[in-house]
């Protein structure tokens, strides 16, 4: 009789375990998307154009998507970030102005560690590409600067869900640090006409790492509900320094962001309010 009860207990436990596992595995993988707009302070210097730092304000638009994948027992999530920023800056005397614009895209993967139900720790890497320009509106010997690079970054993030008197909040901090890549950089004194007009492409692409480039993106956000919407506010700090061919590039920005976040599944196209119905990489 004891053997019979033991067998029944094992079967019941196994059935419950498989059922729970199947239920978790059948939950659809949702996509978390945020679109934000921000305004902030920009500090720009490129010695190809001028030795002087230009400061002013800039506008940034950012779109981010994050979702879990089926890889590594659903602990591997993908993330893509696309943003555009434009700025209008001036020299310290406010006699010369400059316009700049940058487009950046990154795609990467994070492995999720979950010490508790409320806290997620993400670690991984991403592939990043940047294309931008700086234009001196008053004109000079070199009124235009082109920036283009691609690199691989180390990426870490922490996401914490909590409540203040039943009011839900989600705080996320993420840091991305490029460590290897390649960048476009003309030789000191070389004109763009020599490169693109005469086809002198020799030596304009350079290997980059910590010896000639330091870049860091700090991203802090807070999500909270407002009526039927989820508001995402945040702070984005971008540090970008290069020293290639005796040409130094300095681009620092501080932007305060606000926008909307949403959670949806692709096969139905419907937003789901009950988080138990899907598996989120974010919440």
Protein backbone atom coordinates (compact mmCIF):
# COMPACT_ATOMS: atom_id res chain seq x y z
CA UNK A 1 0.00 0.00 0.00
CA UNK A 2 2.85 2.39 0.80
CA UNK A 3 4.36 1.72 -2.64
CA UNK A 4 0.97 2.40 -4.25
CA UNK A 5 0.58 5.74 -2.46
CA UNK A 6 4.16 6.67 -3.33
CA UNK A 7 3.58 5.99 -7.03
CA UNK A 8 0.34 8.02 -7.00
CA UNK A 9 2.12 10.95 -5.27
CA UNK A 10 4.96 10.92 -7.80
CA UNK A 11 2.52 10.83 -10.71
CA UNK A 12 0.50 13.72 -9.26
CA UNK A 13 3.63 15.82 -8.70
CA UNK A 14 4.94 15.09 -12.19
CA UNK A 15 1.60 15.96 -13.77
CA UNK A 16 1.40 19.27 -11.90
CA UNK A 17 5.00 20.11 -12.79
CA UNK A 18 4.51 19.33 -16.49
CA UNK A 19 1.24 21.23 -16.51
CA UNK A 20 2.82 24.30 -14.97
CA UNK A 21 5.79 24.07 -17.30
CA UNK A 22 3.53 23.67 -20.34
CA UNK A 23 1.42 26.64 -19.23
CA UNK A 24 4.54 28.83 -18.91
CA UNK A 25 5.91 27.65 -22.25
CA UNK A 26 2.60 28.28 -24.02
CA UNK A 27 2.36 31.87 -22.84
CA UNK A 28 3.01 34.11 -25.85
CA UNK A 29 6.11 36.27 -25.91
CA UNK A 30 5.10 39.93 -25.87
CA UNK A 31 6.95 42.95 -27.21
CA UNK A 32 7.61 45.97 -25.04
CA UNK A 33 7.88 49.15 -27.09
CA UNK A 34 8.58 52.70 -26.00
CA UNK A 35 8.62 55.89 -28.05
CA UNK A 36 10.06 58.98 -26.39
CA UNK A 37 10.91 62.55 -27.29
CA UNK A 38 13.43 64.61 -25.38
CA UNK A 39 15.09 67.98 -25.14
CA UNK A 40 18.44 68.67 -23.58
CA UNK A 41 21.87 70.29 -23.52
CA UNK A 42 24.54 69.48 -26.12
CA UNK A 43 28.28 70.07 -26.00
CA UNK A 44 30.09 69.48 -29.32
CA UNK A 45 33.68 69.88 -30.47
CA UNK A 46 35.44 68.55 -33.56
CA UNK A 47 38.96 69.80 -34.25
CA UNK A 48 38.62 69.06 -37.98
CA UNK A 49 36.20 71.99 -38.08
CA UNK A 50 37.27 74.08 -35.08
CA UNK A 51 39.13 73.87 -31.78
CA UNK A 52 36.24 75.64 -30.04
CA UNK A 53 33.44 73.87 -28.16
CA UNK A 54 29.91 74.59 -29.30
CA UNK A 55 27.05 74.38 -26.80
CA UNK A 56 23.30 74.62 -27.19
CA UNK A 57 20.07 72.66 -27.15
CA UNK A 58 19.03 69.56 -29.02
CA UNK A 59 15.97 67.46 -29.78
CA UNK A 60 16.00 63.65 -29.65
CA UNK A 61 13.41 61.06 -30.72
CA UNK A 62 13.91 57.47 -29.56
CA UNK A 63 12.14 54.20 -30.27
CA UNK A 64 12.94 51.01 -28.35
CA UNK A 65 11.69 47.44 -28.63
CA UNK A 66 12.45 44.58 -26.25
CA UNK A 67 11.16 41.01 -26.23
CA UNK A 68 12.01 37.58 -24.90
CA UNK A 69 13.16 34.86 -27.26
CA UNK A 70 12.80 31.08 -27.07
CA UNK A 71 16.57 30.71 -26.65
CA UNK A 72 18.25 29.60 -23.39
CA UNK A 73 14.99 28.61 -21.72
CA UNK A 74 13.43 31.99 -22.62
CA UNK A 75 16.07 33.85 -20.65
CA UNK A 76 17.57 35.55 -23.70
CA UNK A 77 15.84 38.77 -24.76
CA UNK A 78 16.45 40.94 -27.81
CA UNK A 79 16.53 44.72 -27.86
CA UNK A 80 16.66 47.25 -30.65
CA UNK A 81 17.04 51.01 -30.18
CA UNK A 82 16.71 53.62 -32.91
CA UNK A 83 17.07 57.31 -32.32
CA UNK A 84 17.53 60.56 -34.19
CA UNK A 85 18.85 63.73 -32.63
CA UNK A 86 19.40 67.24 -34.00
CA UNK A 87 20.96 70.19 -32.25
CA UNK A 88 21.67 73.87 -32.70
CA UNK A 89 24.82 75.07 -30.94
CA UNK A 90 26.97 78.21 -30.74
CA UNK A 91 30.51 79.14 -29.84
CA UNK A 92 31.10 80.79 -26.42
CA UNK A 93 30.91 84.29 -27.95
CA UNK A 94 27.63 83.35 -29.69
CA UNK A 95 28.94 84.72 -32.98
CA UNK A 96 29.20 81.41 -34.88
CA UNK A 97 26.59 78.68 -34.96
CA UNK A 98 26.60 75.01 -35.89
CA UNK A 99 23.91 72.49 -36.78
CA UNK A 100 24.31 68.78 -36.14
CA UNK A 101 22.28 65.66 -36.74
CA UNK A 102 22.86 62.02 -35.81
CA UNK A 103 21.09 58.74 -36.50
CA UNK A 104 21.95 55.70 -34.41
CA UNK A 105 20.70 52.11 -34.41
CA UNK A 106 21.60 49.24 -32.12
CA UNK A 107 20.48 45.62 -31.92
CA UNK A 108 21.54 43.24 -29.19
CA UNK A 109 20.75 40.42 -26.80
CA UNK A 110 20.64 40.22 -23.00
CA UNK A 111 20.69 37.21 -20.72
CA UNK A 112 18.21 37.66 -17.89
CA UNK A 113 19.09 36.94 -14.27
CA UNK A 114 16.11 37.25 -11.94
CA UNK A 115 17.13 37.32 -8.26
CA UNK A 116 13.53 38.09 -7.26
CA UNK A 117 10.11 38.41 -8.83
CA UNK A 118 10.40 42.21 -8.92
CA UNK A 119 14.00 42.57 -10.07
CA UNK A 120 15.63 41.63 -13.39
CA UNK A 121 19.33 41.96 -14.14
CA UNK A 122 20.26 41.88 -17.83
CA UNK A 123 23.73 41.43 -19.31
CA UNK A 124 24.74 41.07 -22.94
CA UNK A 125 26.09 42.87 -25.99
CA UNK A 126 24.84 44.81 -29.00
CA UNK A 127 25.90 45.86 -32.48
CA UNK A 128 25.68 49.62 -33.04
CA UNK A 129 25.86 51.89 -36.05
CA UNK A 130 26.06 55.70 -36.12
CA UNK A 131 25.87 58.26 -38.93
CA UNK A 132 25.94 62.00 -38.36
CA UNK A 133 27.19 65.41 -39.39
CA UNK A 134 28.16 68.82 -38.01
CA UNK A 135 27.78 71.91 -40.18
CA UNK A 136 29.24 75.34 -39.45
CA UNK A 137 26.57 77.84 -40.54
CA UNK A 138 29.04 80.74 -40.89
CA UNK A 139 31.36 78.83 -43.17
CA UNK A 140 35.08 78.14 -42.78
CA UNK A 141 37.84 76.19 -44.45
CA UNK A 142 36.18 72.97 -43.26
CA UNK A 143 32.52 73.83 -42.64
CA UNK A 144 31.27 70.22 -42.74
CA UNK A 145 32.18 67.17 -40.64
CA UNK A 146 30.95 63.64 -41.28
CA UNK A 147 30.77 61.00 -38.51
CA UNK A 148 30.24 57.32 -39.20
CA UNK A 149 31.13 54.28 -37.14
CA UNK A 150 30.09 50.77 -36.20
CA UNK A 151 30.99 48.91 -33.02
CA UNK A 152 30.15 46.14 -30.57
CA UNK A 153 29.10 47.19 -27.08
CA UNK A 154 28.86 45.64 -23.64
CA UNK A 155 25.35 46.21 -22.32
CA UNK A 156 23.97 45.84 -18.78
CA UNK A 157 20.59 46.80 -17.35
CA UNK A 158 18.54 46.49 -14.20
CA UNK A 159 14.71 46.60 -14.13
CA UNK A 160 12.81 46.90 -10.86
CA UNK A 161 9.03 46.75 -10.41
CA UNK A 162 7.48 48.06 -7.19
CA UNK A 163 4.49 49.92 -5.80
CA UNK A 164 3.99 53.07 -3.77
CA UNK A 165 0.61 52.74 -2.04
CA UNK A 166 -0.73 50.44 -4.77
CA UNK A 167 0.63 52.75 -7.49
CA UNK A 168 2.84 50.60 -9.79
CA UNK A 169 6.20 51.86 -10.98
CA UNK A 170 8.92 50.31 -13.14
CA UNK A 171 12.45 51.72 -12.95
CA UNK A 172 15.13 50.76 -15.46
CA UNK A 173 18.79 51.73 -15.71
CA UNK A 174 20.87 50.67 -18.71
CA UNK A 175 24.48 51.34 -19.71
CA UNK A 176 26.06 50.55 -23.09
CA UNK A 177 29.83 50.72 -23.55
CA UNK A 178 31.43 50.14 -27.01
CA UNK A 179 34.71 48.24 -26.82
CA UNK A 180 35.65 47.37 -30.43
CA UNK A 181 34.69 48.73 -33.82
CA UNK A 182 35.61 50.79 -36.88
CA UNK A 183 35.16 54.47 -37.69
CA UNK A 184 35.43 56.83 -40.64
CA UNK A 185 38.08 59.51 -40.07
CA UNK A 186 39.88 61.63 -42.68
CA UNK A 187 43.54 62.42 -42.34
CA UNK A 188 44.44 65.68 -40.64
CA UNK A 189 44.09 68.42 -43.28
CA UNK A 190 42.52 66.09 -45.86
CA UNK A 191 39.44 67.55 -47.55
CA UNK A 192 36.26 65.66 -48.32
CA UNK A 193 36.76 66.57 -51.97
CA UNK A 194 39.96 64.50 -51.96
CA UNK A 195 38.05 61.56 -50.50
CA UNK A 196 34.75 61.58 -52.38
CA UNK A 197 35.66 63.69 -55.43
CA UNK A 198 39.08 62.27 -56.26
CA UNK A 199 38.50 58.84 -54.72
CA UNK A 200 41.37 58.92 -52.23
CA UNK A 201 39.93 56.37 -49.80
CA UNK A 202 43.25 55.15 -48.41
CA UNK A 203 43.42 55.30 -44.61
CA UNK A 204 39.97 56.72 -43.92
CA UNK A 205 38.64 53.68 -41.98
CA UNK A 206 40.22 53.00 -38.60
CA UNK A 207 40.02 50.32 -35.96
CA UNK A 208 38.58 51.72 -32.72
CA UNK A 209 38.78 50.62 -29.12
CA UNK A 210 39.56 52.24 -25.78
CA UNK A 211 42.90 53.59 -27.03
CA UNK A 212 41.22 56.07 -29.43
CA UNK A 213 37.52 56.06 -28.55
CA UNK A 214 35.40 56.22 -25.42
CA UNK A 215 31.62 56.22 -25.68
CA UNK A 216 28.99 55.53 -23.06
CA UNK A 217 25.21 55.68 -23.11
CA UNK A 218 23.39 55.97 -19.78
CA UNK A 219 19.63 55.48 -19.88
CA UNK A 220 17.35 55.85 -16.85
CA UNK A 221 13.57 55.47 -17.23
CA UNK A 222 10.47 55.27 -15.04
CA UNK A 223 7.18 53.75 -16.24
CA UNK A 224 3.85 54.53 -14.56
CA UNK A 225 0.17 54.23 -15.58
CA UNK A 226 -1.92 57.28 -16.44
CA UNK A 227 -5.49 56.37 -17.31
CA UNK A 228 -5.38 53.85 -20.15
CA UNK A 229 -1.79 54.73 -21.03
CA UNK A 230 1.65 53.86 -19.70
CA UNK A 231 3.90 56.90 -19.48
CA UNK A 232 7.65 56.45 -19.75
CA UNK A 233 9.88 59.29 -18.56
CA UNK A 234 13.63 59.26 -18.46
CA UNK A 235 17.08 60.73 -18.70
CA UNK A 236 19.50 59.87 -21.53
CA UNK A 237 23.17 60.79 -21.24
CA UNK A 238 25.44 60.24 -24.24
CA UNK A 239 29.24 60.52 -24.01
CA UNK A 240 31.28 60.23 -27.21
CA UNK A 241 35.03 60.95 -27.50
CA UNK A 242 37.42 59.99 -30.30
CA UNK A 243 41.03 60.88 -31.08
CA UNK A 244 41.94 59.58 -34.54
CA UNK A 245 44.51 61.04 -36.98
CA UNK A 246 45.11 63.91 -34.53
CA UNK A 247 41.45 64.90 -34.94
CA UNK A 248 39.47 64.98 -31.71
CA UNK A 249 35.72 64.55 -31.55
CA UNK A 250 33.78 65.48 -28.41
CA UNK A 251 30.01 65.01 -28.26
CA UNK A 252 28.19 65.09 -24.91
CA UNK A 253 24.43 65.36 -24.49
CA UNK A 254 21.96 65.32 -21.59
CA UNK A 255 18.34 64.78 -22.59
CA UNK A 256 15.19 64.54 -20.52
CA UNK A 257 12.74 62.19 -22.22
CA UNK A 258 8.99 61.55 -22.07
CA UNK A 259 6.71 59.34 -24.11
CA UNK A 260 4.54 56.23 -24.12
CA UNK A 261 5.22 52.54 -23.56
CA UNK A 262 3.06 49.64 -24.63
CA UNK A 263 3.05 45.85 -24.42
CA UNK A 264 1.64 43.77 -27.26
CA UNK A 265 1.82 40.37 -28.91
CA UNK A 266 2.45 40.12 -32.62
CA UNK A 267 0.15 37.24 -33.55
CA UNK A 268 -3.00 38.95 -32.29
CA UNK A 269 -2.05 42.57 -32.65
CA UNK A 270 -3.99 43.37 -29.47
CA UNK A 271 -2.66 45.00 -26.34
CA UNK A 272 -3.07 42.83 -23.30
CA UNK A 273 -3.74 44.40 -19.92
CA UNK A 274 -3.51 41.18 -17.93
CA UNK A 275 0.22 40.48 -17.62
CA UNK A 276 -0.47 36.87 -16.58
CA UNK A 277 -1.56 36.13 -20.15
CA UNK A 278 1.87 36.75 -21.65
CA UNK A 279 5.55 36.62 -20.80
CA UNK A 280 7.18 40.06 -20.75
CA UNK A 281 10.89 40.80 -21.00
CA UNK A 282 10.37 44.14 -19.26
CA UNK A 283 7.61 44.08 -16.64
